[in-house]
Amino acid sequence: MAAVSLRLGDLVWGKLGRYPPWPGKIVNPPKDLKKPRGKKCFFVKFFGTEDHAWIKVEQLKPYHTHKEEMIKINKGKRFQQAVDAVEEFLRKTKGKDQASSHNSNEEKNRRNSSEERGKQSAGEEKRKAILSEGKLKKGTGEGKKRVSSVSSERGSKSPLKRAQDQSPRKRGRPPKDEKDLTIPESSTVKRVMTGTVAGFKWPPSVSEPVKDSDPHFHHFLLSQTEKETGSTSIQAADSTAVNGSITPTDKKIGFLGLGLMGSGIVSNLLKMGHTVTVWNRTAEKCDLFIQEGARLGRTPAEVVSTCDITFACVSDPKAAKDLVLGPSGVLQGIRPGKCYVDMSTVDADTVTELAQVIVSRGGRFLEAPVSGNQQLSNDGMLVILAAGDRGLYEDCSSCFQAMGKTSFFLGEVGNAAKMMLIVNMVQGSFMATIAEGLTLAQVTGQSQQTLLDILNQGQLASIFLDQKCQNILQGNFKPDFYLKYIQKDLRLAIALGDSVNHPTPMAAAANEVYKRAKALDQSDNDMSAVYRAYIH
């Protein structure tokens, strides 16, 4: 297949991670953003969003050549808005090009007329000079020789003169820097790319092949760059999706609970082209998703009865039980073949009870709690821990790919709940230790920022560490993971340890610190607000 030539300024379809091909433009990257090593790539700014990324050449297609194809397979509202933005950009560019072309033609005509007059004047002066010289040297033959010499000289310099006339520098343009010549500017954004592109497929990355036996889903990685302080932060997304593009299931999807985690999950399901019906206890939270193409369910029972697979993500065991067993709850909508996936972080006893009542009505059940926070939910980078009906797990494949970077199937119901509590126990204990270290640094006269810089250069370096420390240093405790929920998970993890007579002294100590933070009215702040328990 012939290679497709791409240049700065071209309009393209770019494949970014899990997301469908999106219209964008090849632009110059920010000066402080380094180009990734490896395969050739371009920096693309996507229309209709604030997203931009380095995209590998094999993940790019010319815009005009594939426009009709892309519009047929993508129907979302945001996608259409992005296409509209491209067309508006083209209209404006066309208007500017026409005006520029008109002005350029006028200038060219004036320049040609002036040059012609100049040539005529110069020719006349040369003719007079030759005739005059010929008269002075009449009879010696030098006049004829001089005419021949002038003609010969003019002829010998003509090719050089033409080359100079055609040189941009001759016309007064400043010399271009060598670096500017590495990526030639596209002559027009409407130029149709050359090369064989029919049947072009988005190739998966070969750097991390997915084995047929591997049940996990792997997606694009967020690259990290270091600031001058040494702290790490997310700067741009690698465009490589190991599994290529996602084909959404044709099953109708329901979703109950639009909190910090649920909102991001639903947003990504819609972006990937799923048909979604939503419900939330506070109905106003549904409005945004209705605008994005979701349907509204009046009750949990109605959502379950009208959808093939219904997901739920609520705060705690009581909320999970009320949602299923309460008035107009999930159980009332369950019929043989209906599927229910509980993504809440609860204890194993609760999820086992819910599984039993769902299955007793002929339904299928899967637990699938998620590890992550609001930002990872929004980015579709959650880690999904699933257990229960293996067939249902496989039916949820496109949904899990839309909302997460990896999913694990852990066997029978209850296993995912136990694993999730252990994960959050470790995370909560670590957060309390971070807060303890920062306060100890402060009271002993050490720089908290320097402590963070040191940690970020060592084995503990992570996005979690950096973000939570930054929250503390900036005094910004806007919730990304509610403090009250991490304390709930610590409490449930301790109970899990008690049920098997396993000591959890570290988790118990951390739990007491979080309980103190809750007493200081920090429940609805981010978990990093546990820091305040040490300074009051």
Foldseek 3Di string as FASTA:
>chain_A
DWAWDDFAFAWKFAFAKQFDTFIWGFHDDPPPDDDDDDADWTWTQGALDRAIFTGHSLRIGGCVVCVVVSCVQDDWPSRVNRVVRVVVVQVVQVVVVVVVVVVVVVVVVVVVVVVVVVVVVVVVVVVVVLVVVCVVCPPVCVSVVVVVVVVVVCVVCVVVVVVLVPDPVSVPDDDDDPVCVVGDHDPGNPDDIDDDCPPRFRAADPPDADDPPDPKAAIWDFDWDADPLQAIDGDHTYRHTRVGYFDDDPFEEEEEACDLQNVLLLVLCLSSPHAYEYDYPPRVSCVVVVVRPYHYDPAQLRRQQVTQEYEYEDFELVVVCCQAPNVSHNLNNAAANREYEYQYQYAQVSQVVSQVSNVVRNYFYKYWHWDDWSVLQNVLAIEIEMEGDPVVVVVCVSSNSSRHRIYDYDYHRRPSNLVVLVVLLVVLLVLLVLLVVLVVCVVVVHDSSVVLSVCCVDPNNDPVSSVLSVCVVVVNFAARDFLLRSLVSLVSNCVVCVVVVHDDVSSVVSSVLSVQLVVVVRRGTYNSSSSVSVVD
